[in-house]
Protein backbone atom coordinates (compact mmCIF):
# COMPACT_ATOMS: atom_id res chain seq x y z
CA UNK A 1 0.00 0.00 0.00
CA UNK A 2 1.06 3.49 -0.71
CA UNK A 3 1.31 5.58 2.49
CA UNK A 4 -0.99 8.53 2.70
CA UNK A 5 0.37 12.06 2.30
CA UNK A 6 -0.34 12.90 5.97
CA UNK A 7 1.62 9.92 7.12
CA UNK A 8 4.55 10.91 4.92
CA UNK A 9 4.50 14.44 6.33
CA UNK A 10 4.60 13.07 9.87
CA UNK A 11 7.56 10.84 9.04
CA UNK A 12 9.42 13.70 7.38
CA UNK A 13 8.68 15.95 10.34
CA UNK A 14 9.97 13.38 12.83
CA UNK A 15 13.11 12.92 10.75
CA UNK A 16 13.77 16.66 10.59
CA UNK A 17 13.16 17.05 14.34
CA UNK A 18 15.53 14.18 15.11
CA UNK A 19 18.17 15.76 12.86
CA UNK A 20 17.80 19.11 14.62
CA UNK A 21 18.12 17.50 18.04
CA UNK A 22 21.20 15.56 16.94
CA UNK A 23 22.72 18.71 15.42
CA UNK A 24 22.09 20.76 18.58
CA UNK A 25 23.58 18.06 20.78
CA UNK A 26 26.65 17.88 18.58
CA UNK A 27 27.10 21.64 18.73
CA UNK A 28 26.77 21.65 22.51
CA UNK A 29 29.16 18.72 22.84
CA UNK A 30 31.82 20.09 20.52
CA UNK A 31 31.38 23.71 21.65
CA UNK A 32 30.80 24.93 25.19
CA UNK A 33 28.82 22.12 26.77
CA UNK A 34 31.11 22.03 29.82
CA UNK A 35 30.56 25.73 30.43
CA UNK A 36 26.87 25.33 30.01
CA UNK A 37 26.45 22.75 32.77
CA UNK A 38 29.29 23.78 35.12
CA UNK A 39 28.36 25.64 38.32
CA UNK A 40 29.74 29.16 38.30
CA UNK A 41 29.90 32.28 40.49
CA UNK A 42 29.93 35.94 39.54
CA UNK A 43 32.89 38.21 40.44
CA UNK A 44 33.63 41.69 39.14
CA UNK A 45 36.57 43.92 38.38
CA UNK A 46 36.78 47.58 37.34
CA UNK A 47 39.32 48.60 34.67
CA UNK A 48 40.40 51.95 33.31
CA UNK A 49 40.50 50.44 29.82
CA UNK A 50 39.69 46.98 28.45
CA UNK A 51 41.36 47.29 25.00
CA UNK A 52 38.63 45.51 23.04
CA UNK A 53 37.60 42.87 25.61
CA UNK A 54 34.18 41.45 24.69
CA UNK A 55 31.46 39.34 26.23
CA UNK A 56 32.29 35.64 26.02
CA UNK A 57 36.09 36.10 26.16
CA UNK A 58 37.94 33.63 28.34
CA UNK A 59 39.31 34.02 31.87
CA UNK A 60 42.63 32.36 32.71
CA UNK A 61 44.37 31.55 36.00
CA UNK A 62 47.84 29.93 36.06
CA UNK A 63 47.43 29.02 32.39
CA UNK A 64 44.08 27.26 32.94
CA UNK A 65 40.71 28.49 31.67
CA UNK A 66 38.50 29.12 34.70
CA UNK A 67 35.54 31.06 33.26
CA UNK A 68 34.19 33.57 30.72
CA UNK A 69 33.34 37.25 30.60
CA UNK A 70 29.62 37.67 31.25
CA UNK A 71 29.11 41.41 30.69
CA UNK A 72 31.15 44.49 29.81
CA UNK A 73 29.73 47.86 30.87
CA UNK A 74 30.66 51.36 31.94
CA UNK A 75 31.15 52.19 35.59
CA UNK A 76 31.23 55.65 37.11
CA UNK A 77 32.76 58.15 34.72
CA UNK A 78 35.05 56.45 32.17
CA UNK A 79 35.84 53.17 33.90
CA UNK A 80 34.66 49.78 32.66
CA UNK A 81 33.19 47.09 34.91
CA UNK A 82 33.63 43.46 33.92
CA UNK A 83 31.39 40.75 35.30
CA UNK A 84 33.08 37.37 35.18
CA UNK A 85 31.60 33.91 35.57
CA UNK A 86 34.21 31.76 37.33
CA UNK A 87 33.92 28.00 37.84
CA UNK A 88 33.17 27.22 41.48
CA UNK A 89 35.50 24.24 41.38
CA UNK A 90 38.42 26.47 40.28
CA UNK A 91 37.40 29.36 42.57
CA UNK A 92 38.64 27.52 45.65
CA UNK A 93 42.20 27.88 44.34
CA UNK A 94 41.86 31.61 43.59
CA UNK A 95 42.21 34.01 46.55
CA UNK A 96 40.36 37.26 47.04
CA UNK A 97 43.58 39.33 46.95
CA UNK A 98 44.41 38.04 43.45
CA UNK A 99 44.84 40.64 40.70
CA UNK A 100 43.10 40.84 37.34
CA UNK A 101 44.54 42.29 34.15
CA UNK A 102 43.68 42.38 30.47
CA UNK A 103 45.87 40.21 28.29
CA UNK A 104 45.77 38.66 24.87
CA UNK A 105 45.79 35.11 23.59
CA UNK A 106 49.08 35.34 21.74
CA UNK A 107 50.60 38.45 20.14
CA UNK A 108 47.56 39.33 18.01
CA UNK A 109 45.00 36.93 19.48
CA UNK A 110 41.69 37.74 21.16
CA UNK A 111 41.60 39.51 24.50
CA UNK A 112 41.42 37.56 27.76
CA UNK A 113 41.25 38.31 31.48
CA UNK A 114 44.25 36.99 33.39
CA UNK A 115 43.98 36.33 37.14
CA UNK A 116 47.26 36.00 39.04
CA UNK A 117 48.89 36.44 42.45
CA UNK A 118 47.13 36.10 45.76
CA UNK A 119 48.35 34.82 49.13
CA UNK A 120 47.42 31.54 50.83
CA UNK A 121 46.32 33.45 53.94
CA UNK A 122 43.55 35.25 52.04
CA UNK A 123 40.15 33.51 51.68
CA UNK A 124 39.03 31.94 48.40
CA UNK A 125 36.80 33.73 45.91
CA UNK A 126 33.18 34.19 46.93
CA UNK A 127 30.21 35.34 44.82
CA UNK A 128 30.25 39.11 44.43
CA UNK A 129 33.98 39.54 45.13
CA UNK A 130 35.46 42.67 43.54
CA UNK A 131 38.99 41.91 42.37
CA UNK A 132 41.77 44.46 42.28
CA UNK A 133 43.15 45.24 38.82
CA UNK A 134 46.64 45.76 37.48
CA UNK A 135 47.74 47.94 34.62
CA UNK A 136 48.45 46.04 31.45
CA UNK A 137 50.97 46.84 28.76
CA UNK A 138 49.07 47.13 25.54
CA UNK A 139 50.35 46.19 22.13
CA UNK A 140 50.41 49.87 21.20
CA UNK A 141 52.66 50.60 24.19
CA UNK A 142 54.98 47.78 23.21
CA UNK A 143 55.16 49.05 19.64
CA UNK A 144 55.83 52.59 20.93
CA UNK A 145 58.68 51.29 23.09
CA UNK A 146 60.11 49.39 20.13
CA UNK A 147 59.88 52.53 18.00
CA UNK A 148 61.67 54.55 20.69
CA UNK A 149 64.40 51.92 20.95
CA UNK A 150 64.80 52.00 17.18
CA UNK A 151 65.17 55.79 17.32
CA UNK A 152 67.82 55.52 20.03
CA UNK A 153 69.63 52.80 18.10
CA UNK A 154 69.63 55.00 15.00
CA UNK A 155 71.12 57.87 16.99
CA UNK A 156 73.82 55.59 18.41
CA UNK A 157 74.76 54.19 15.00
CA UNK A 158 74.85 57.74 13.59
CA UNK A 159 77.27 58.79 16.33
CA UNK A 160 79.42 55.71 15.77
CA UNK A 161 79.45 56.44 12.07
CA UNK A 162 80.68 59.99 12.72
CA UNK A 163 83.36 58.79 15.15
CA UNK A 164 84.64 56.12 12.77
CA UNK A 165 84.70 58.70 9.95
CA UNK A 166 86.83 61.11 12.00
CA UNK A 167 89.17 58.28 12.98
CA UNK A 168 89.52 57.27 9.35
CA UNK A 169 90.44 60.85 8.37
CA UNK A 170 93.09 61.08 11.11
CA UNK A 171 91.22 63.36 13.49
CA UNK A 172 91.63 63.04 17.27
CA UNK A 173 94.20 61.06 19.26
CA UNK A 174 93.18 57.65 17.92
CA UNK A 175 93.11 58.94 14.33
CA UNK A 176 96.56 60.48 14.68
CA UNK A 177 97.85 57.29 16.24
CA UNK A 178 96.63 55.34 13.23
CA UNK A 179 97.83 57.90 10.66
CA UNK A 180 101.08 59.37 12.04
CA UNK A 181 104.08 57.04 12.31
CA UNK A 182 106.03 59.54 14.44
CA UNK A 183 103.41 59.48 17.20
CA UNK A 184 103.39 55.69 17.09
CA UNK A 185 107.21 55.67 17.41
CA UNK A 186 107.08 58.07 20.37
CA UNK A 187 104.53 55.92 22.15
CA UNK A 188 106.69 52.84 21.57
CA UNK A 189 109.68 54.71 23.03
CA UNK A 190 107.64 55.74 26.06
CA UNK A 191 106.51 52.17 26.60
CA UNK A 192 110.10 50.95 26.33
CA UNK A 193 111.20 53.56 28.91
CA UNK A 194 108.43 52.45 31.22
CA UNK A 195 109.55 48.84 30.84
CA UNK A 196 113.12 49.85 31.71
CA UNK A 197 111.94 51.81 34.73
CA UNK A 198 109.83 48.86 35.82
CA UNK A 199 112.82 46.51 35.54
CA UNK A 200 114.98 48.95 37.56
CA UNK A 201 112.28 49.23 40.20
CA UNK A 202 112.10 45.45 40.37
CA UNK A 203 115.87 45.22 40.83
CA UNK A 204 115.76 47.89 43.53
CA UNK A 205 112.96 46.05 45.29
CA UNK A 206 114.97 42.81 45.23
CA UNK A 207 118.01 44.65 46.64
CA UNK A 208 115.95 46.19 49.41
CA UNK A 209 114.50 42.78 50.21
CA UNK A 210 118.00 41.28 50.45
CA UNK A 211 119.17 44.16 52.63
CA UNK A 212 116.15 43.76 54.90
CA UNK A 213 116.88 40.05 55.18
CA UNK A 214 120.42 40.78 56.27
CA UNK A 215 119.18 43.28 58.84
CA UNK A 216 116.83 40.63 60.22
CA UNK A 217 119.63 38.09 60.52
CA UNK A 218 119.90 36.81 64.08
CA UNK A 219 122.95 38.17 65.92
CA UNK A 220 123.22 41.41 63.91
CA UNK A 221 122.94 44.80 65.61
CA UNK A 222 119.59 45.79 63.99
CA UNK A 223 118.11 42.43 64.98
CA UNK A 224 119.42 42.84 68.53
CA UNK A 225 117.98 46.35 68.71
CA UNK A 226 114.56 45.06 67.64
CA UNK A 227 114.39 41.83 69.64
CA UNK A 228 116.76 42.21 72.63
CA UNK A 229 115.55 44.75 75.16
CA UNK A 230 118.80 44.52 77.14
CA UNK A 231 120.89 45.64 74.16
CA UNK A 232 118.51 48.46 73.40
CA UNK A 233 118.53 49.60 77.05
CA UNK A 234 122.34 49.46 77.19
CA UNK A 235 122.64 51.40 73.95
CA UNK A 236 120.18 54.00 75.22
CA UNK A 237 122.13 54.33 78.48
CA UNK A 238 125.40 54.74 76.58
CA UNK A 239 123.91 57.48 74.43
CA UNK A 240 122.63 59.25 77.55
CA UNK A 241 126.10 59.03 79.14
CA UNK A 242 127.71 60.37 75.97
CA UNK A 243 125.30 63.28 75.96
CA UNK A 244 126.06 63.96 79.63
CA UNK A 245 129.80 63.75 78.99
CA UNK A 246 129.46 66.10 76.04
CA UNK A 247 127.55 68.56 78.18
CA UNK A 248 130.24 68.44 80.93
CA UNK A 249 133.02 68.80 78.34
CA UNK A 250 131.25 71.83 76.91
CA UNK A 251 130.92 73.32 80.40
CA UNK A 252 134.62 72.59 81.06
CA UNK A 253 135.68 74.26 77.83
CA UNK A 254 133.52 77.27 78.65
CA UNK A 255 135.18 77.47 82.11
CA UNK A 256 138.67 77.18 80.64
CA UNK A 257 137.90 79.86 78.06
CA UNK A 258 136.54 82.13 80.80
CA UNK A 259 139.56 81.44 83.06
CA UNK A 260 141.99 82.01 80.21
CA UNK A 261 140.44 85.39 79.57
CA UNK A 262 141.03 86.44 83.23
CA UNK A 263 144.78 87.21 83.88
CA UNK A 264 144.27 86.89 87.64
CA UNK A 265 143.03 83.26 87.47
CA UNK A 266 145.51 80.34 87.53
CA UNK A 267 144.75 79.43 83.92
CA UNK A 268 144.95 83.06 82.91
CA UNK A 269 148.26 83.42 84.75
CA UNK A 270 149.64 80.42 82.85
CA UNK A 271 148.35 81.82 79.58
CA UNK A 272 149.51 85.43 80.08
CA UNK A 273 152.40 85.31 82.67
CA UNK A 274 155.49 83.94 80.89
CA UNK A 275 157.71 83.60 84.02
CA UNK A 276 154.94 81.62 85.77
CA UNK A 277 154.73 79.33 82.74
CA UNK A 278 158.52 78.80 82.88
CA UNK A 279 158.34 77.96 86.61
CA UNK A 280 155.51 75.49 85.89
CA UNK A 281 157.57 73.75 83.23
CA UNK A 282 160.51 73.44 85.65
CA UNK A 283 158.16 72.07 88.31
CA UNK A 284 156.75 69.50 85.88
CA UNK A 285 160.24 68.41 84.89
CA UNK A 286 161.16 67.94 88.54
CA UNK A 287 157.95 65.94 89.11
CA UNK A 288 158.77 63.68 86.14
CA UNK A 289 162.26 63.08 87.52
CA UNK A 290 160.86 62.38 91.00
CA UNK A 291 158.32 59.96 89.48
CA UNK A 292 161.11 58.05 87.72
CA UNK A 293 163.11 57.84 90.93
CA UNK A 294 160.01 56.72 92.86
CA UNK A 295 159.33 53.99 90.29
CA UNK A 296 162.88 52.73 90.60
CA UNK A 297 162.66 52.75 94.42
CA UNK A 298 159.35 50.77 94.30
CA UNK A 299 160.91 48.22 91.97
CA UNK A 300 163.82 47.87 94.35
CA UNK A 301 161.46 47.42 97.30
CA UNK A 302 159.55 44.67 95.42
CA UNK A 303 162.80 42.77 95.02
CA UNK A 304 163.53 43.11 98.73
CA UNK A 305 162.82 39.79 100.42
CA UNK A 306 161.30 41.58 103.44
CA UNK A 307 158.50 43.16 101.36
CA UNK A 308 158.16 40.54 98.58
CA UNK A 309 155.36 38.65 100.39
CA UNK A 310 153.35 41.82 100.87
CA UNK A 311 153.39 42.71 97.15
CA UNK A 312 152.39 39.15 96.10
CA UNK A 313 149.52 39.27 98.57
CA UNK A 314 148.38 42.55 97.01
CA UNK A 315 148.53 41.03 93.51
CA UNK A 316 146.40 38.01 94.58
CA UNK A 317 143.83 40.30 96.23
CA UNK A 318 143.63 42.43 93.07
CA UNK A 319 143.15 39.32 90.85
CA UNK A 320 140.43 37.97 93.17
CA UNK A 321 138.59 41.30 93.13
CA UNK A 322 138.74 41.40 89.31
CA UNK A 323 137.35 37.83 89.07
CA UNK A 324 134.52 38.69 91.49
CA UNK A 325 133.66 41.82 89.49
CA UNK A 326 133.58 39.80 86.24
CA UNK A 327 131.26 37.17 87.82
CA UNK A 328 128.94 39.89 89.13
CA UNK A 329 128.78 41.44 85.66
CA UNK A 330 127.87 38.08 84.06
CA UNK A 331 125.15 37.45 86.67
CA UNK A 332 123.68 40.92 86.13
CA UNK A 333 123.64 40.39 82.35
CA UNK A 334 121.93 36.98 82.69
CA UNK A 335 119.33 38.42 85.08
CA UNK A 336 118.58 41.31 82.70
CA UNK A 337 118.09 38.92 79.78
CA UNK A 338 115.79 36.70 81.87
CA UNK A 339 113.68 39.71 82.87
CA UNK A 340 113.47 40.84 79.23
CA UNK A 341 112.42 37.34 78.13
CA UNK A 342 109.76 37.21 80.84
CA UNK A 343 108.48 40.61 79.71
CA UNK A 344 108.25 39.38 76.08
CA UNK A 345 106.36 36.25 77.18
CA UNK A 346 103.90 38.32 79.24
CA UNK A 347 103.34 40.73 76.34
CA UNK A 348 102.72 37.81 73.94
CA UNK A 349 100.20 36.29 76.38
CA UNK A 350 98.28 39.58 76.56
């Protein structure tokens, strides 16, 4: 039997309806089905400029899509308020002190909202949260910066071109150095002189080092002056005595000069009275003769057997006294060195 026209219309209608349902399901499955059935919450952010952001653009957090832009509208004077639909499941990882900024999907891709930052101490996003915004660097700003860098680079290359041109023509110190052989020869001579001076300085330094090593040699006078306090003290005492002796000699010479200037003083009489000087010479001659005779008499007495024992006893006493004085001097020297060593040890301990 041939089906009736009404029946055919019903069949065609059912077929078309089934096709539409299948097509709609495929679109929802391939497209934004997940967004359609995922639970979301609304949060807002206010920007000074959105740079072409539109409804339906994506929201990203840590590189993951977490929602879409619901509405874009003006707020206050010239600001723009963005309402965002964020997945509740992802919202628990986003904190209320996170920042929002406008970005782009690639260099020339569509605009997106990027959420970033936030501290673990802050609570998670809640419906109605107003996020703080951060200023974004637009593509126009980047291009302007690139253009400015290109301008600066052009200026630098222009300057380098001028400098290299002046060098090539022999201008300036570097140009003259490259062009004039005489200047190059003078610089080489200066460098050679500096090398010679450096070698001489090195030789002098080595000589000074050798000399210092000899001065530091143990047993030498400089080493004793530095390390042995006894030697230094003795040397200081000797210098003091020499200064005192010099002072006394100067005073004596002053007294002699003053006495010589006075004819009534003994020295003045000897200097100015010629008969007194003659008598003094005769007296000195007589004293010399008497001294010779006395020496001969003493020698004769020493040979006398009655006095020989006395003179030998005097010689032994003198030798004993000299030996005792030498021993006392050695003991005093040893004690001084021991005290100096103890002082060095105490100073090192401090």
